[in-house]
C-alpha atoms as a PDB file:
ATOM      1  CA  UNK A   1     111.690 139.736 123.975  1.00  0.00           C
ATOM      2  CA  UNK A   2     109.208 141.524 121.787  1.00  0.00           C
ATOM      3  CA  UNK A   3     105.822 139.951 121.111  1.00  0.00           C
ATOM      4  CA  UNK A   4     106.472 139.875 117.366  1.00  0.00           C
ATOM      5  CA  UNK A   5     109.706 137.953 117.830  1.00  0.00           C
ATOM      6  CA  UNK A   6     107.999 135.468 120.149  1.00  0.00           C
ATOM      7  CA  UNK A   7     105.279 134.946 117.554  1.00  0.00           C
ATOM      8  CA  UNK A   8     107.838 134.112 114.860  1.00  0.00           C
ATOM      9  CA  UNK A   9     109.722 131.831 117.224  1.00  0.00           C
ATOM     10  CA  UNK A  10     106.543 129.963 118.146  1.00  0.00           C
ATOM     11  CA  UNK A  11     105.553 129.563 114.503  1.00  0.00           C
ATOM     12  CA  UNK A  12     108.995 128.188 113.683  1.00  0.00           C
ATOM     13  CA  UNK A  13     108.773 125.686 116.521  1.00  0.00           C
ATOM     14  CA  UNK A  14     105.302 124.648 115.360  1.00  0.00           C
ATOM     15  CA  UNK A  15     106.777 123.870 111.933  1.00  0.00           C
ATOM     16  CA  UNK A  16     109.005 121.217 113.496  1.00  0.00           C
ATOM     17  CA  UNK A  17     105.945 118.973 113.396  1.00  0.00           C
ATOM     18  CA  UNK A  18     106.235 118.936 109.623  1.00  0.00           C
ATOM     19  CA  UNK A  19     109.734 117.501 109.928  1.00  0.00           C
ATOM     20  CA  UNK A  20     108.315 114.726 112.092  1.00  0.00           C
ATOM     21  CA  UNK A  21     105.677 114.116 109.445  1.00  0.00           C
ATOM     22  CA  UNK A  22     108.346 113.719 106.764  1.00  0.00           C
ATOM     23  CA  UNK A  23     110.201 111.209 108.927  1.00  0.00           C
ATOM     24  CA  UNK A  24     106.979 109.336 109.633  1.00  0.00           C
ATOM     25  CA  UNK A  25     106.059 109.109 105.958  1.00  0.00           C
ATOM     26  CA  UNK A  26     109.499 107.811 105.075  1.00  0.00           C
ATOM     27  CA  UNK A  27     109.203 105.205 107.804  1.00  0.00           C
ATOM     28  CA  UNK A  28     105.720 104.112 106.683  1.00  0.00           C
ATOM     29  CA  UNK A  29     106.623 103.713 103.019  1.00  0.00           C
ATOM     30  CA  UNK A  30     110.008 102.171 103.746  1.00  0.00           C
ATOM     31  CA  UNK A  31     108.470  99.571 106.025  1.00  0.00           C
ATOM     32  CA  UNK A  32     105.775  98.783 103.484  1.00  0.00           C
ATOM     33  CA  UNK A  33     108.305  98.400 100.697  1.00  0.00           C
ATOM     34  CA  UNK A  34     110.487  96.162 102.850  1.00  0.00           C
ATOM     35  CA  UNK A  35     107.534  93.986 103.796  1.00  0.00           C
ATOM     36  CA  UNK A  36     106.183  93.871 100.232  1.00  0.00           C
ATOM     37  CA  UNK A  37     109.540  92.717  98.892  1.00  0.00           C
ATOM     38  CA  UNK A  38     109.759  89.973 101.517  1.00  0.00           C
ATOM     39  CA  UNK A  39     106.192  88.739 101.029  1.00  0.00           C
ATOM     40  CA  UNK A  40     104.677  89.988  97.751  1.00  0.00           C
ATOM     41  CA  UNK A  41     101.478  87.969  98.180  1.00  0.00           C
ATOM     42  CA  UNK A  42     100.530  89.909 101.330  1.00  0.00           C
ATOM     43  CA  UNK A  43     101.288  93.333  99.870  1.00  0.00           C
ATOM     44  CA  UNK A  44      97.838  93.752  98.326  1.00  0.00           C
ATOM     45  CA  UNK A  45      96.134  93.117 101.663  1.00  0.00           C
ATOM     46  CA  UNK A  46      98.303  95.704 103.413  1.00  0.00           C
ATOM     47  CA  UNK A  47      97.901  98.474 100.841  1.00  0.00           C
ATOM     48  CA  UNK A  48      94.731  99.987 102.414  1.00  0.00           C
ATOM     49  CA  UNK A  49      96.569 100.221 105.745  1.00  0.00           C
ATOM     50  CA  UNK A  50      99.430 101.975 103.969  1.00  0.00           C
ATOM     51  CA  UNK A  51      97.057 104.575 102.546  1.00  0.00           C
ATOM     52  CA  UNK A  52      95.382 105.071 105.947  1.00  0.00           C
ATOM     53  CA  UNK A  53      98.749 105.568 107.638  1.00  0.00           C
ATOM     54  CA  UNK A  54      99.764 108.027 104.944  1.00  0.00           C
ATOM     55  CA  UNK A  55      96.539 110.004 105.358  1.00  0.00           C
ATOM     56  CA  UNK A  56      96.773 110.220 109.148  1.00  0.00           C
ATOM     57  CA  UNK A  57     100.438 111.197 109.089  1.00  0.00           C
ATOM     58  CA  UNK A  58      99.868 113.823 106.412  1.00  0.00           C
ATOM     59  CA  UNK A  59      96.904 115.221 108.355  1.00  0.00           C
ATOM     60  CA  UNK A  60      99.153 115.725 111.379  1.00  0.00           C
ATOM     61  CA  UNK A  61     101.632 117.615 109.206  1.00  0.00           C
ATOM     62  CA  UNK A  62      98.887 119.835 107.820  1.00  0.00           C
ATOM     63  CA  UNK A  63      97.648 120.433 111.376  1.00  0.00           C
ATOM     64  CA  UNK A  64     101.149 121.520 112.349  1.00  0.00           C
ATOM     65  CA  UNK A  65     101.214 123.961 109.429  1.00  0.00           C
ATOM     66  CA  UNK A  66      97.791 125.270 110.438  1.00  0.00           C
ATOM     67  CA  UNK A  67      99.006 125.951 113.980  1.00  0.00           C
ATOM     68  CA  UNK A  68     102.024 127.828 112.625  1.00  0.00           C
ATOM     69  CA  UNK A  69      99.848 129.940 110.338  1.00  0.00           C
ATOM     70  CA  UNK A  70      97.408 130.667 113.150  1.00  0.00           C
ATOM     71  CA  UNK A  71     100.291 131.827 115.323  1.00  0.00           C
ATOM     72  CA  UNK A  72     101.552 134.119 112.572  1.00  0.00           C
ATOM     73  CA  UNK A  73      98.353 135.697 111.356  1.00  0.00           C
ATOM     74  CA  UNK A  74      95.684 135.395 114.060  1.00  0.00           C
ATOM     75  CA  UNK A  75      97.395 135.760 117.414  1.00  0.00           C
END
């Protein structure tokens, strides 16, 4: 296998982390919505945790994109 082909293959595999991020975000917001509909009085107390979970999950997705871009353009 040529080095260029391996680089593209590695970058594509690194992008799979973004798919995991999308699944994680859907799970976070779906769980929050389900819990907020069951107990609306507790939803306000859980909102900061929702935002923190969103930020951490999105950061992992951006990190995955960064790794893919580093594989394509630096290595």
